[in-house]
Amino acid sequence: MKRFASILTLLVVGWLTVGGAVYWWQHSRLQKVTDEVLRVKQSEQSLKSQVLALESDIAALRQFKYTARKAGKADLLRVYNLEFRTVDHLGKEYRVVDFYVGVPPELPLLQKLRLLADKMSVLRFNSLPLDVLRIETRAGKRIAVIGIREPENDQYAWGGGYFQGSTGGGITQVTLVESFLQRGYTGDWIDGVEFYYQGKPFTDEWDHINLSGVRYR
């Protein structure tokens, strides 16, 4: 009887040991599968972003060629980008003209700004909402107030896409600030620009982009 009890005890202990090992093996395998699925999703999102960037570049090139042919006496406004180059094994940033927007010189200033914003939205920001809300006069300076809105079908398109990453955020900041200020434009233009996000002045809550306050030419 004692021998039977000992054998039964050994069987139970063995079963528990094997069962525990199988559980941890399954748990470990499940964790590996979960990590792999997450990695694939991140890679897919990265590829989608790259495709959107390429599509934007192609559209910008087509717009540039069209503007060059059709502009005539139109004023050419510059839309800027940020280019990274390796010089002497050091990375350097260069502000470059991405494309031009031709605007009739007789248009009122507000309409010129809105035409510029529309082209930037389509060609650089995947048609996300980018609105010229108004031009305010402050201490004798004309300040354009620019509204950045998340579309209804994706409440994190700007925040989760164009405001993220040190490179992506830097490019977005340069494109918006420099393109609206048009420092090299000699015609009638604004003195500064202020950005709103979701109906309120832009704050410093973002890690990779700074659009708070008024930026002057």
N, C-alpha and C. Protein backbone atom coordinates (compact mmCIF):
# COMPACT_ATOMS: atom_id res chain seq x y z
N MET A 1 0.83 -1.21 0.00
CA MET A 1 0.00 0.00 0.00
C MET A 1 0.87 1.26 0.00
N LYS A 2 1.94 1.19 0.88
CA LYS A 2 2.84 2.34 0.92
C LYS A 2 3.55 2.53 -0.43
N ARG A 3 3.90 1.39 -1.02
CA ARG A 3 4.56 1.47 -2.32
C ARG A 3 3.64 2.09 -3.37
N PHE A 4 2.37 1.72 -3.32
CA PHE A 4 1.39 2.28 -4.27
C PHE A 4 1.25 3.79 -4.08
N ALA A 5 1.23 4.21 -2.80
CA ALA A 5 1.11 5.63 -2.50
C ALA A 5 2.32 6.40 -3.02
N SER A 6 3.51 5.81 -2.87
CA SER A 6 4.73 6.46 -3.35
C SER A 6 4.72 6.61 -4.86
N ILE A 7 4.28 5.55 -5.52
CA ILE A 7 4.20 5.60 -6.99
C ILE A 7 3.20 6.65 -7.44
N LEU A 8 2.06 6.72 -6.75
CA LEU A 8 1.04 7.70 -7.11
C LEU A 8 1.57 9.13 -6.91
N THR A 9 2.29 9.31 -5.81
CA THR A 9 2.85 10.63 -5.54
C THR A 9 3.83 11.04 -6.63
N LEU A 10 4.69 10.10 -7.04
CA LEU A 10 5.66 10.39 -8.10
C LEU A 10 4.95 10.73 -9.41
N LEU A 11 3.86 10.01 -9.69
CA LEU A 11 3.12 10.28 -10.91
C LEU A 11 2.50 11.67 -10.90
N VAL A 12 1.93 12.06 -9.74
CA VAL A 12 1.31 13.38 -9.62
C VAL A 12 2.35 14.48 -9.77
N VAL A 13 3.50 14.31 -9.07
CA VAL A 13 4.58 15.30 -9.16
C VAL A 13 5.09 15.41 -10.59
N GLY A 14 5.24 14.25 -11.23
CA GLY A 14 5.70 14.26 -12.62
C GLY A 14 4.72 14.95 -13.54
N TRP A 15 3.47 14.69 -13.32
CA TRP A 15 2.43 15.31 -14.16
C TRP A 15 2.43 16.83 -13.99
N LEU A 16 2.54 17.27 -12.71
CA LEU A 16 2.58 18.71 -12.46
C LEU A 16 3.82 19.36 -13.07
N THR A 17 4.95 18.64 -12.99
CA THR A 17 6.19 19.20 -13.57
C THR A 17 6.09 19.34 -15.07
N VAL A 18 5.61 18.26 -15.71
CA VAL A 18 5.46 18.29 -17.16
C VAL A 18 4.42 19.32 -17.58
N GLY A 19 3.31 19.37 -16.84
CA GLY A 19 2.26 20.33 -17.16
C GLY A 19 2.75 21.75 -17.03
N GLY A 20 3.53 22.03 -15.97
CA GLY A 20 4.08 23.36 -15.79
C GLY A 20 5.04 23.74 -16.91
N ALA A 21 5.87 22.76 -17.30
CA ALA A 21 6.82 23.02 -18.39
C ALA A 21 6.10 23.31 -19.69
N VAL A 22 5.03 22.53 -19.96
CA VAL A 22 4.25 22.74 -21.17
C VAL A 22 3.59 24.11 -21.14
N TYR A 23 3.07 24.51 -19.96
CA TYR A 23 2.42 25.83 -19.84
C TYR A 23 3.40 26.95 -20.15
N TRP A 24 4.57 26.91 -19.54
CA TRP A 24 5.54 27.96 -19.76
C TRP A 24 6.05 27.97 -21.19
N TRP A 25 6.15 26.78 -21.79
CA TRP A 25 6.57 26.72 -23.19
C TRP A 25 5.53 27.37 -24.09
N GLN A 26 4.24 27.07 -23.82
CA GLN A 26 3.17 27.66 -24.61
C GLN A 26 3.11 29.18 -24.39
N HIS A 27 3.28 29.60 -23.12
CA HIS A 27 3.26 31.02 -22.81
C HIS A 27 4.39 31.76 -23.54
N SER A 28 5.58 31.16 -23.51
CA SER A 28 6.73 31.77 -24.18
C SER A 28 6.51 31.85 -25.68
N ARG A 29 5.96 30.77 -26.26
CA ARG A 29 5.69 30.75 -27.69
C ARG A 29 4.64 31.79 -28.06
N LEU A 30 3.60 31.93 -27.23
CA LEU A 30 2.55 32.92 -27.48
C LEU A 30 3.13 34.33 -27.44
N GLN A 31 4.03 34.57 -26.47
CA GLN A 31 4.65 35.88 -26.36
C GLN A 31 5.49 36.20 -27.60
N LYS A 32 6.22 35.19 -28.10
CA LYS A 32 7.03 35.39 -29.30
C LYS A 32 6.15 35.71 -30.51
N VAL A 33 5.02 34.98 -30.63
CA VAL A 33 4.10 35.24 -31.73
C VAL A 33 3.51 36.64 -31.63
N THR A 34 3.13 37.05 -30.39
CA THR A 34 2.58 38.39 -30.18
C THR A 34 3.59 39.47 -30.56
N ASP A 35 4.84 39.27 -30.14
CA ASP A 35 5.91 40.23 -30.48
C ASP A 35 6.11 40.30 -32.00
N GLU A 36 6.04 39.17 -32.66
CA GLU A 36 6.25 39.14 -34.11
C GLU A 36 5.11 39.85 -34.83
N VAL A 37 3.87 39.65 -34.36
CA VAL A 37 2.72 40.34 -34.95
C VAL A 37 2.87 41.85 -34.80
N LEU A 38 3.31 42.29 -33.60
CA LEU A 38 3.51 43.71 -33.36
C LEU A 38 4.59 44.27 -34.28
N ARG A 39 5.67 43.51 -34.46
CA ARG A 39 6.76 43.96 -35.33
C ARG A 39 6.28 44.09 -36.77
N VAL A 40 5.47 43.12 -37.22
CA VAL A 40 4.95 43.17 -38.59
C VAL A 40 4.04 44.38 -38.76
N LYS A 41 3.19 44.67 -37.76
CA LYS A 41 2.31 45.83 -37.85
C LYS A 41 3.10 47.12 -37.91
N GLN A 42 4.16 47.22 -37.11
CA GLN A 42 5.00 48.42 -37.14
C GLN A 42 5.69 48.57 -38.48
N SER A 43 6.16 47.45 -39.04
CA SER A 43 6.80 47.49 -40.35
C SER A 43 5.80 47.92 -41.42
N GLU A 44 4.57 47.41 -41.31
CA GLU A 44 3.53 47.76 -42.28
C GLU A 44 3.22 49.25 -42.22
N GLN A 45 3.14 49.80 -40.98
CA GLN A 45 2.87 51.23 -40.83
C GLN A 45 4.01 52.05 -41.39
N SER A 46 5.25 51.59 -41.17
CA SER A 46 6.41 52.30 -41.70
C SER A 46 6.38 52.31 -43.22
N LEU A 47 6.03 51.16 -43.83
CA LEU A 47 5.96 51.08 -45.29
C LEU A 47 4.87 51.99 -45.84
N LYS A 48 3.73 52.04 -45.14
CA LYS A 48 2.64 52.91 -45.57
C LYS A 48 3.09 54.38 -45.55
N SER A 49 3.83 54.74 -44.50
CA SER A 49 4.33 56.12 -44.41
C SER A 49 5.28 56.43 -45.55
N GLN A 50 6.15 55.46 -45.88
CA GLN A 50 7.09 55.66 -46.97
C GLN A 50 6.36 55.79 -48.30
N VAL A 51 5.32 54.98 -48.49
CA VAL A 51 4.54 55.07 -49.74
C VAL A 51 3.88 56.44 -49.85
N LEU A 52 3.29 56.91 -48.74
CA LEU A 52 2.65 58.23 -48.75
C LEU A 52 3.67 59.33 -49.06
N ALA A 53 4.86 59.18 -48.49
CA ALA A 53 5.90 60.17 -48.74
C ALA A 53 6.30 60.18 -50.22
N LEU A 54 6.44 58.98 -50.80
CA LEU A 54 6.79 58.89 -52.22
C LEU A 54 5.69 59.47 -53.10
N GLU A 55 4.43 59.15 -52.76
CA GLU A 55 3.32 59.70 -53.53
C GLU A 55 3.31 61.23 -53.44
N SER A 56 3.60 61.75 -52.24
CA SER A 56 3.66 63.20 -52.08
C SER A 56 4.78 63.80 -52.92
N ASP A 57 5.94 63.14 -52.94
CA ASP A 57 7.06 63.63 -53.75
C ASP A 57 6.72 63.65 -55.24
N ILE A 58 6.05 62.57 -55.69
CA ILE A 58 5.67 62.50 -57.11
C ILE A 58 4.68 63.61 -57.44
N ALA A 59 3.70 63.81 -56.56
CA ALA A 59 2.72 64.88 -56.79
C ALA A 59 3.39 66.26 -56.79
N ALA A 60 4.35 66.43 -55.90
CA ALA A 60 5.07 67.71 -55.85
C ALA A 60 5.85 67.95 -57.13
N LEU A 61 6.48 66.90 -57.65
CA LEU A 61 7.24 67.04 -58.89
C LEU A 61 6.32 67.40 -60.05
N ARG A 62 5.16 66.76 -60.13
CA ARG A 62 4.21 67.08 -61.19
C ARG A 62 3.71 68.52 -61.06
N GLN A 63 3.44 68.94 -59.81
CA GLN A 63 2.98 70.31 -59.59
C GLN A 63 4.06 71.32 -59.97
N PHE A 64 5.31 70.99 -59.67
CA PHE A 64 6.41 71.88 -60.01
C PHE A 64 6.51 72.06 -61.53
N LYS A 65 6.42 70.95 -62.26
CA LYS A 65 6.50 71.02 -63.71
C LYS A 65 5.33 71.82 -64.28
N TYR A 66 4.14 71.59 -63.72
CA TYR A 66 2.95 72.31 -64.20
C TYR A 66 3.10 73.81 -63.92
N THR A 67 3.56 74.15 -62.71
CA THR A 67 3.73 75.55 -62.35
C THR A 67 4.75 76.24 -63.25
N ALA A 68 5.84 75.52 -63.53
CA ALA A 68 6.89 76.10 -64.38
C ALA A 68 6.35 76.42 -65.77
N ARG A 69 5.42 75.59 -66.28
CA ARG A 69 4.87 75.81 -67.62
C ARG A 69 3.80 76.90 -67.63
N LYS A 70 2.97 76.93 -66.57
CA LYS A 70 1.77 77.74 -66.59
C LYS A 70 1.85 79.05 -65.79
N ALA A 71 2.90 79.20 -64.98
CA ALA A 71 2.91 80.33 -64.06
C ALA A 71 2.85 81.67 -64.78
N GLY A 72 3.67 81.83 -65.82
CA GLY A 72 3.66 83.10 -66.54
C GLY A 72 4.00 84.27 -65.63
N LYS A 73 3.05 85.20 -65.47
CA LYS A 73 3.28 86.37 -64.63
C LYS A 73 2.86 86.14 -63.19
N ALA A 74 2.49 84.94 -62.85
CA ALA A 74 2.07 84.65 -61.48
C ALA A 74 3.27 84.74 -60.52
N ASP A 75 2.98 85.13 -59.28
CA ASP A 75 4.00 85.11 -58.24
C ASP A 75 4.23 83.67 -57.82
N LEU A 76 5.49 83.31 -57.64
CA LEU A 76 5.83 81.95 -57.22
C LEU A 76 6.16 81.94 -55.74
N LEU A 77 5.34 81.22 -54.97
CA LEU A 77 5.58 81.05 -53.55
C LEU A 77 6.30 79.72 -53.33
N ARG A 78 7.22 79.72 -52.41
CA ARG A 78 8.04 78.53 -52.19
C ARG A 78 7.50 77.68 -51.04
N VAL A 79 7.46 76.38 -51.26
CA VAL A 79 7.12 75.43 -50.19
C VAL A 79 8.41 74.68 -49.85
N TYR A 80 8.78 74.73 -48.58
CA TYR A 80 10.08 74.22 -48.16
C TYR A 80 10.01 72.81 -47.61
N ASN A 81 11.17 72.17 -47.65
CA ASN A 81 11.35 70.85 -47.07
C ASN A 81 12.69 70.85 -46.35
N LEU A 82 12.97 69.76 -45.68
CA LEU A 82 14.23 69.61 -44.96
C LEU A 82 14.96 68.41 -45.52
N GLU A 83 16.17 68.64 -45.95
CA GLU A 83 16.97 67.57 -46.56
C GLU A 83 18.17 67.28 -45.66
N PHE A 84 18.43 65.99 -45.45
CA PHE A 84 19.54 65.58 -44.60
C PHE A 84 20.67 65.02 -45.48
N ARG A 85 21.86 65.57 -45.29
CA ARG A 85 23.01 65.13 -46.06
C ARG A 85 24.15 64.77 -45.12
N THR A 86 24.96 63.83 -45.55
CA THR A 86 26.13 63.45 -44.78
C THR A 86 27.35 64.15 -45.35
N VAL A 87 27.96 64.99 -44.54
CA VAL A 87 29.15 65.74 -44.94
C VAL A 87 30.26 65.44 -43.93
N ASP A 88 31.38 64.88 -44.41
CA ASP A 88 32.49 64.51 -43.51
C ASP A 88 32.01 63.63 -42.36
N HIS A 89 31.13 62.68 -42.72
CA HIS A 89 30.60 61.71 -41.76
C HIS A 89 29.70 62.35 -40.69
N LEU A 90 29.28 63.60 -40.92
CA LEU A 90 28.38 64.27 -40.00
C LEU A 90 27.08 64.60 -40.72
N GLY A 91 25.97 64.35 -40.05
CA GLY A 91 24.68 64.67 -40.66
C GLY A 91 24.36 66.15 -40.54
N LYS A 92 23.96 66.76 -41.63
CA LYS A 92 23.60 68.17 -41.62
C LYS A 92 22.24 68.36 -42.26
N GLU A 93 21.52 69.37 -41.79
CA GLU A 93 20.19 69.68 -42.31
C GLU A 93 20.27 70.86 -43.27
N TYR A 94 19.55 70.75 -44.37
CA TYR A 94 19.50 71.82 -45.36
C TYR A 94 18.04 72.11 -45.71
N ARG A 95 17.67 73.37 -45.63
CA ARG A 95 16.33 73.75 -46.05
C ARG A 95 16.35 73.90 -47.57
N VAL A 96 15.44 73.19 -48.21
CA VAL A 96 15.41 73.21 -49.67
C VAL A 96 13.99 73.54 -50.12
N VAL A 97 13.87 74.04 -51.34
CA VAL A 97 12.56 74.30 -51.92
C VAL A 97 12.01 72.99 -52.47
N ASP A 98 10.87 72.59 -51.95
CA ASP A 98 10.26 71.33 -52.37
C ASP A 98 9.50 71.53 -53.69
N PHE A 99 8.68 72.58 -53.75
CA PHE A 99 7.99 72.92 -54.99
C PHE A 99 7.49 74.36 -54.88
N TYR A 100 6.95 74.86 -55.97
CA TYR A 100 6.46 76.24 -56.03
C TYR A 100 4.94 76.24 -56.22
N VAL A 101 4.32 77.28 -55.70
CA VAL A 101 2.89 77.50 -55.91
C VAL A 101 2.72 78.84 -56.61
N GLY A 102 2.14 78.82 -57.79
CA GLY A 102 1.91 80.05 -58.54
C GLY A 102 0.60 80.70 -58.12
N VAL A 103 0.65 81.98 -57.75
CA VAL A 103 -0.56 82.70 -57.35
C VAL A 103 -0.66 84.00 -58.16
N PRO A 104 -1.83 84.35 -58.63
CA PRO A 104 -2.00 85.63 -59.34
C PRO A 104 -1.64 86.79 -58.42
N PRO A 105 -0.82 87.72 -58.86
CA PRO A 105 -0.39 88.82 -57.99
C PRO A 105 -1.52 89.73 -57.56
N GLU A 106 -2.63 89.75 -58.30
CA GLU A 106 -3.73 90.66 -57.96
C GLU A 106 -4.64 90.10 -56.86
N LEU A 107 -4.45 88.85 -56.46
CA LEU A 107 -5.28 88.26 -55.41
C LEU A 107 -5.06 88.98 -54.08
N PRO A 108 -6.12 89.12 -53.26
CA PRO A 108 -5.94 89.64 -51.90
C PRO A 108 -5.02 88.72 -51.10
N LEU A 109 -4.35 89.27 -50.11
CA LEU A 109 -3.37 88.52 -49.33
C LEU A 109 -3.97 87.27 -48.69
N LEU A 110 -5.16 87.37 -48.15
CA LEU A 110 -5.79 86.23 -47.49
C LEU A 110 -6.01 85.08 -48.48
N GLN A 111 -6.42 85.42 -49.71
CA GLN A 111 -6.64 84.39 -50.72
C GLN A 111 -5.33 83.74 -51.16
N LYS A 112 -4.26 84.53 -51.22
CA LYS A 112 -2.95 83.95 -51.54
C LYS A 112 -2.54 82.94 -50.49
N LEU A 113 -2.74 83.30 -49.24
CA LEU A 113 -2.39 82.40 -48.15
C LEU A 113 -3.22 81.11 -48.21
N ARG A 114 -4.50 81.24 -48.50
CA ARG A 114 -5.37 80.07 -48.55
C ARG A 114 -5.03 79.18 -49.74
N LEU A 115 -4.66 79.77 -50.87
CA LEU A 115 -4.23 78.98 -52.01
C LEU A 115 -2.95 78.22 -51.67
N LEU A 116 -2.02 78.89 -51.00
CA LEU A 116 -0.79 78.24 -50.57
C LEU A 116 -1.09 77.09 -49.62
N ALA A 117 -1.98 77.32 -48.65
CA ALA A 117 -2.33 76.29 -47.68
C ALA A 117 -2.97 75.08 -48.36
N ASP A 118 -3.85 75.32 -49.32
CA ASP A 118 -4.51 74.23 -50.03
C ASP A 118 -3.50 73.36 -50.77
N LYS A 119 -2.55 73.99 -51.46
CA LYS A 119 -1.54 73.24 -52.20
C LYS A 119 -0.63 72.46 -51.25
N MET A 120 -0.26 73.07 -50.14
CA MET A 120 0.58 72.38 -49.15
C MET A 120 -0.15 71.17 -48.57
N SER A 121 -1.43 71.35 -48.29
CA SER A 121 -2.22 70.24 -47.74
C SER A 121 -2.22 69.04 -48.69
N VAL A 122 -2.50 69.31 -49.96
CA VAL A 122 -2.61 68.22 -50.94
C VAL A 122 -1.27 67.59 -51.24
N LEU A 123 -0.25 68.41 -51.46
CA LEU A 123 1.02 67.90 -51.96
C LEU A 123 2.01 67.49 -50.88
N ARG A 124 1.84 67.99 -49.66
CA ARG A 124 2.80 67.64 -48.62
C ARG A 124 2.19 66.88 -47.45
N PHE A 125 0.88 67.07 -47.21
CA PHE A 125 0.29 66.51 -46.00
C PHE A 125 -0.93 65.63 -46.28
N ASN A 126 -0.90 64.96 -47.43
CA ASN A 126 -1.92 63.95 -47.73
C ASN A 126 -3.35 64.48 -47.58
N SER A 127 -3.53 65.75 -47.96
CA SER A 127 -4.85 66.42 -47.96
C SER A 127 -5.46 66.57 -46.56
N LEU A 128 -4.64 66.59 -45.52
CA LEU A 128 -5.15 66.83 -44.17
C LEU A 128 -5.58 68.29 -44.03
N PRO A 129 -6.56 68.57 -43.15
CA PRO A 129 -7.07 69.94 -43.01
C PRO A 129 -5.98 70.92 -42.58
N LEU A 130 -5.81 71.97 -43.36
CA LEU A 130 -4.86 73.05 -43.09
C LEU A 130 -5.52 74.35 -43.53
N ASP A 131 -5.99 75.14 -42.57
CA ASP A 131 -6.84 76.28 -42.88
C ASP A 131 -6.17 77.60 -42.48
N VAL A 132 -6.30 78.60 -43.34
CA VAL A 132 -5.91 79.96 -42.98
C VAL A 132 -7.16 80.60 -42.37
N LEU A 133 -7.18 80.75 -41.06
CA LEU A 133 -8.38 81.21 -40.38
C LEU A 133 -8.62 82.71 -40.56
N ARG A 134 -7.57 83.50 -40.41
CA ARG A 134 -7.73 84.96 -40.48
C ARG A 134 -6.36 85.61 -40.44
N ILE A 135 -6.35 86.92 -40.70
CA ILE A 135 -5.15 87.73 -40.52
C ILE A 135 -5.47 88.77 -39.45
N GLU A 136 -4.71 88.75 -38.37
CA GLU A 136 -4.90 89.69 -37.27
C GLU A 136 -3.80 90.76 -37.29
N THR A 137 -4.15 91.97 -36.85
CA THR A 137 -3.15 93.02 -36.71
C THR A 137 -2.81 93.17 -35.23
N ARG A 138 -1.53 92.97 -34.91
CA ARG A 138 -1.07 93.07 -33.53
C ARG A 138 0.16 93.97 -33.48
N ALA A 139 0.03 95.06 -32.76
CA ALA A 139 1.13 96.02 -32.64
C ALA A 139 1.66 96.45 -34.01
N GLY A 140 0.74 96.63 -34.94
CA GLY A 140 1.12 97.06 -36.28
C GLY A 140 1.63 95.97 -37.18
N LYS A 141 1.63 94.72 -36.71
CA LYS A 141 2.11 93.59 -37.50
C LYS A 141 0.93 92.72 -37.93
N ARG A 142 0.98 92.24 -39.15
CA ARG A 142 -0.08 91.35 -39.65
C ARG A 142 0.32 89.90 -39.38
N ILE A 143 -0.51 89.23 -38.61
CA ILE A 143 -0.24 87.86 -38.19
C ILE A 143 -1.29 86.93 -38.80
N ALA A 144 -0.85 85.94 -39.57
CA ALA A 144 -1.76 84.94 -40.12
C ALA A 144 -1.97 83.84 -39.10
N VAL A 145 -3.22 83.52 -38.83
CA VAL A 145 -3.56 82.44 -37.90
C VAL A 145 -3.92 81.20 -38.71
N ILE A 146 -3.14 80.14 -38.53
CA ILE A 146 -3.29 78.92 -39.31
C ILE A 146 -3.88 77.81 -38.44
N GLY A 147 -4.97 77.21 -38.89
CA GLY A 147 -5.61 76.14 -38.14
C GLY A 147 -5.23 74.77 -38.66
N ILE A 148 -4.74 73.93 -37.77
CA ILE A 148 -4.43 72.53 -38.10
C ILE A 148 -5.47 71.66 -37.41
N ARG A 149 -6.22 70.88 -38.18
CA ARG A 149 -7.30 70.06 -37.62
C ARG A 149 -7.09 68.60 -37.97
N GLU A 150 -7.47 67.74 -37.04
CA GLU A 150 -7.49 66.31 -37.32
C GLU A 150 -8.78 65.99 -38.08
N PRO A 151 -8.70 65.19 -39.15
CA PRO A 151 -9.93 64.83 -39.87
C PRO A 151 -10.83 63.95 -39.02
N GLU A 152 -12.12 63.97 -39.31
CA GLU A 152 -13.08 63.22 -38.50
C GLU A 152 -12.83 61.71 -38.54
N ASN A 153 -12.30 61.22 -39.66
CA ASN A 153 -12.10 59.78 -39.79
C ASN A 153 -10.78 59.30 -39.20
N ASP A 154 -9.94 60.22 -38.72
CA ASP A 154 -8.67 59.83 -38.12
C ASP A 154 -8.23 60.95 -37.18
N GLN A 155 -8.55 60.81 -35.90
CA GLN A 155 -8.31 61.87 -34.94
C GLN A 155 -6.85 62.00 -34.52
N TYR A 156 -5.97 61.25 -35.13
CA TYR A 156 -4.55 61.33 -34.78
C TYR A 156 -3.68 61.32 -36.03
N ALA A 157 -4.21 61.83 -37.14
CA ALA A 157 -3.46 61.82 -38.40
C ALA A 157 -2.28 62.77 -38.35
N TRP A 158 -2.52 64.00 -37.90
CA TRP A 158 -1.43 64.95 -37.73
C TRP A 158 -0.54 64.52 -36.56
N GLY A 159 -1.15 64.35 -35.40
CA GLY A 159 -0.39 64.06 -34.19
C GLY A 159 0.39 62.76 -34.24
N GLY A 160 -0.23 61.73 -34.81
CA GLY A 160 0.43 60.42 -34.86
C GLY A 160 1.31 60.24 -36.07
N GLY A 161 1.22 61.17 -37.03
CA GLY A 161 2.02 61.03 -38.25
C GLY A 161 3.04 62.13 -38.42
N TYR A 162 2.56 63.33 -38.76
CA TYR A 162 3.48 64.42 -39.15
C TYR A 162 4.12 65.14 -37.96
N PHE A 163 3.63 64.90 -36.73
CA PHE A 163 4.24 65.53 -35.57
C PHE A 163 5.21 64.59 -34.85
N GLN A 164 5.33 63.37 -35.31
CA GLN A 164 6.12 62.37 -34.60
C GLN A 164 7.51 62.19 -35.20
N GLY A 165 8.46 61.81 -34.36
CA GLY A 165 9.82 61.53 -34.81
C GLY A 165 10.63 62.80 -34.96
N SER A 166 11.90 62.74 -34.58
CA SER A 166 12.74 63.93 -34.68
C SER A 166 12.89 64.40 -36.12
N THR A 167 12.96 63.44 -37.07
CA THR A 167 13.08 63.81 -38.48
C THR A 167 11.74 64.29 -39.03
N GLY A 168 10.69 63.48 -38.82
CA GLY A 168 9.38 63.85 -39.34
C GLY A 168 8.86 65.14 -38.75
N GLY A 169 9.00 65.32 -37.43
CA GLY A 169 8.55 66.55 -36.80
C GLY A 169 9.32 67.76 -37.29
N GLY A 170 10.64 67.58 -37.49
CA GLY A 170 11.47 68.68 -37.98
C GLY A 170 11.08 69.11 -39.37
N ILE A 171 10.80 68.13 -40.24
CA ILE A 171 10.39 68.44 -41.61
C ILE A 171 9.06 69.19 -41.61
N THR A 172 8.10 68.70 -40.80
CA THR A 172 6.79 69.35 -40.73
C THR A 172 6.92 70.79 -40.25
N GLN A 173 7.74 71.01 -39.22
CA GLN A 173 7.92 72.35 -38.67
C GLN A 173 8.51 73.30 -39.70
N VAL A 174 9.55 72.86 -40.39
CA VAL A 174 10.18 73.71 -41.40
C VAL A 174 9.21 74.01 -42.53
N THR A 175 8.49 72.99 -42.99
CA THR A 175 7.54 73.18 -44.09
C THR A 175 6.48 74.22 -43.72
N LEU A 176 5.89 74.09 -42.54
CA LEU A 176 4.81 74.99 -42.15
C LEU A 176 5.32 76.41 -41.88
N VAL A 177 6.33 76.54 -41.05
CA VAL A 177 6.80 77.86 -40.65
C VAL A 177 7.39 78.62 -41.83
N GLU A 178 8.37 78.00 -42.50
CA GLU A 178 9.07 78.71 -43.57
C GLU A 178 8.18 78.96 -44.79
N SER A 179 7.29 78.03 -45.09
CA SER A 179 6.44 78.20 -46.27
C SER A 179 5.41 79.31 -46.06
N PHE A 180 4.89 79.43 -44.84
CA PHE A 180 3.92 80.50 -44.60
C PHE A 180 4.61 81.86 -44.43
N LEU A 181 5.82 81.88 -43.90
CA LEU A 181 6.52 83.16 -43.74
C LEU A 181 7.05 83.70 -45.06
N GLN A 182 7.47 82.81 -45.98
CA GLN A 182 7.96 83.26 -47.30
C GLN A 182 9.00 84.38 -47.14
N ARG A 183 10.07 84.09 -46.44
CA ARG A 183 11.08 85.11 -46.14
C ARG A 183 11.69 85.72 -47.40
N GLY A 184 11.77 84.96 -48.48
CA GLY A 184 12.39 85.48 -49.69
C GLY A 184 11.43 86.17 -50.65
N TYR A 185 10.15 86.19 -50.31
CA TYR A 185 9.15 86.80 -51.18
C TYR A 185 9.15 88.31 -50.98
N THR A 186 9.22 89.07 -52.08
CA THR A 186 9.33 90.53 -51.99
C THR A 186 8.00 91.25 -52.16
N GLY A 187 6.94 90.52 -52.45
CA GLY A 187 5.63 91.15 -52.59
C GLY A 187 4.98 91.41 -51.25
N ASP A 188 3.74 91.89 -51.29
CA ASP A 188 2.99 92.16 -50.07
C ASP A 188 2.73 90.87 -49.32
N TRP A 189 3.14 90.81 -48.05
CA TRP A 189 3.02 89.55 -47.31
C TRP A 189 2.82 89.82 -45.82
N ILE A 190 2.54 88.78 -45.10
CA ILE A 190 2.33 88.88 -43.65
C ILE A 190 3.66 89.12 -42.93
N ASP A 191 3.55 89.53 -41.66
CA ASP A 191 4.75 89.75 -40.84
C ASP A 191 5.05 88.56 -39.93
N GLY A 192 4.04 87.75 -39.68
CA GLY A 192 4.25 86.62 -38.79
C GLY A 192 3.15 85.60 -38.95
N VAL A 193 3.33 84.44 -38.29
CA VAL A 193 2.35 83.35 -38.38
C VAL A 193 2.20 82.69 -37.02
N GLU A 194 0.97 82.32 -36.71
CA GLU A 194 0.66 81.61 -35.47
C GLU A 194 -0.19 80.39 -35.80
N PHE A 195 0.13 79.26 -35.16
CA PHE A 195 -0.55 78.01 -35.48
C PHE A 195 -1.50 77.60 -34.35
N TYR A 196 -2.70 77.16 -34.77
CA TYR A 196 -3.69 76.60 -33.85
C TYR A 196 -3.82 75.10 -34.15
N TYR A 197 -4.04 74.33 -33.07
CA TYR A 197 -4.28 72.90 -33.24
C TYR A 197 -5.60 72.55 -32.56
N GLN A 198 -6.50 72.01 -33.35
CA GLN A 198 -7.84 71.64 -32.86
C GLN A 198 -8.54 72.85 -32.22
N GLY A 199 -8.40 74.01 -32.84
CA GLY A 199 -9.13 75.19 -32.40
C GLY A 199 -8.48 76.00 -31.30
N LYS A 200 -7.29 75.57 -30.82
CA LYS A 200 -6.61 76.29 -29.75
C LYS A 200 -5.16 76.57 -30.14
N PRO A 201 -4.56 77.64 -29.58
CA PRO A 201 -3.16 77.93 -29.91
C PRO A 201 -2.26 76.72 -29.63
N PHE A 202 -1.33 76.49 -30.52
CA PHE A 202 -0.41 75.37 -30.39
C PHE A 202 0.38 75.49 -29.09
N THR A 203 0.58 74.37 -28.39
CA THR A 203 1.32 74.36 -27.13
C THR A 203 2.63 73.58 -27.29
N ASP A 204 3.39 73.50 -26.19
CA ASP A 204 4.67 72.80 -26.20
C ASP A 204 4.55 71.34 -25.79
N GLU A 205 3.35 70.76 -25.92
CA GLU A 205 3.14 69.40 -25.45
C GLU A 205 3.80 68.34 -26.33
N TRP A 206 4.20 68.70 -27.54
CA TRP A 206 4.76 67.73 -28.47
C TRP A 206 6.27 67.64 -28.30
N ASP A 207 6.80 66.42 -28.46
CA ASP A 207 8.23 66.18 -28.24
C ASP A 207 9.10 66.58 -29.42
N HIS A 208 8.57 66.45 -30.64
CA HIS A 208 9.42 66.57 -31.82
C HIS A 208 9.06 67.74 -32.73
N ILE A 209 8.15 68.59 -32.29
CA ILE A 209 7.78 69.72 -33.12
C ILE A 209 7.43 70.90 -32.22
N ASN A 210 7.81 72.10 -32.64
CA ASN A 210 7.53 73.30 -31.85
C ASN A 210 6.87 74.33 -32.75
N LEU A 211 5.58 74.50 -32.59
CA LEU A 211 4.83 75.48 -33.37
C LEU A 211 4.09 76.47 -32.47
N SER A 212 4.50 76.57 -31.22
CA SER A 212 3.81 77.46 -30.29
C SER A 212 4.30 78.91 -30.48
N GLY A 213 3.43 79.85 -30.16
CA GLY A 213 3.79 81.26 -30.24
C GLY A 213 3.76 81.79 -31.68
N VAL A 214 4.10 83.07 -31.81
CA VAL A 214 4.11 83.72 -33.13
C VAL A 214 5.52 83.65 -33.69
N ARG A 215 5.63 83.25 -34.96
CA ARG A 215 6.90 83.25 -35.67
C ARG A 215 6.91 84.42 -36.65
N TYR A 216 7.95 85.24 -36.57
CA TYR A 216 8.05 86.42 -37.42
C TYR A 216 9.03 86.19 -38.56
N ARG A 217 8.88 86.97 -39.61
CA ARG A 217 9.75 86.84 -40.78
C ARG A 217 11.18 87.26 -40.45
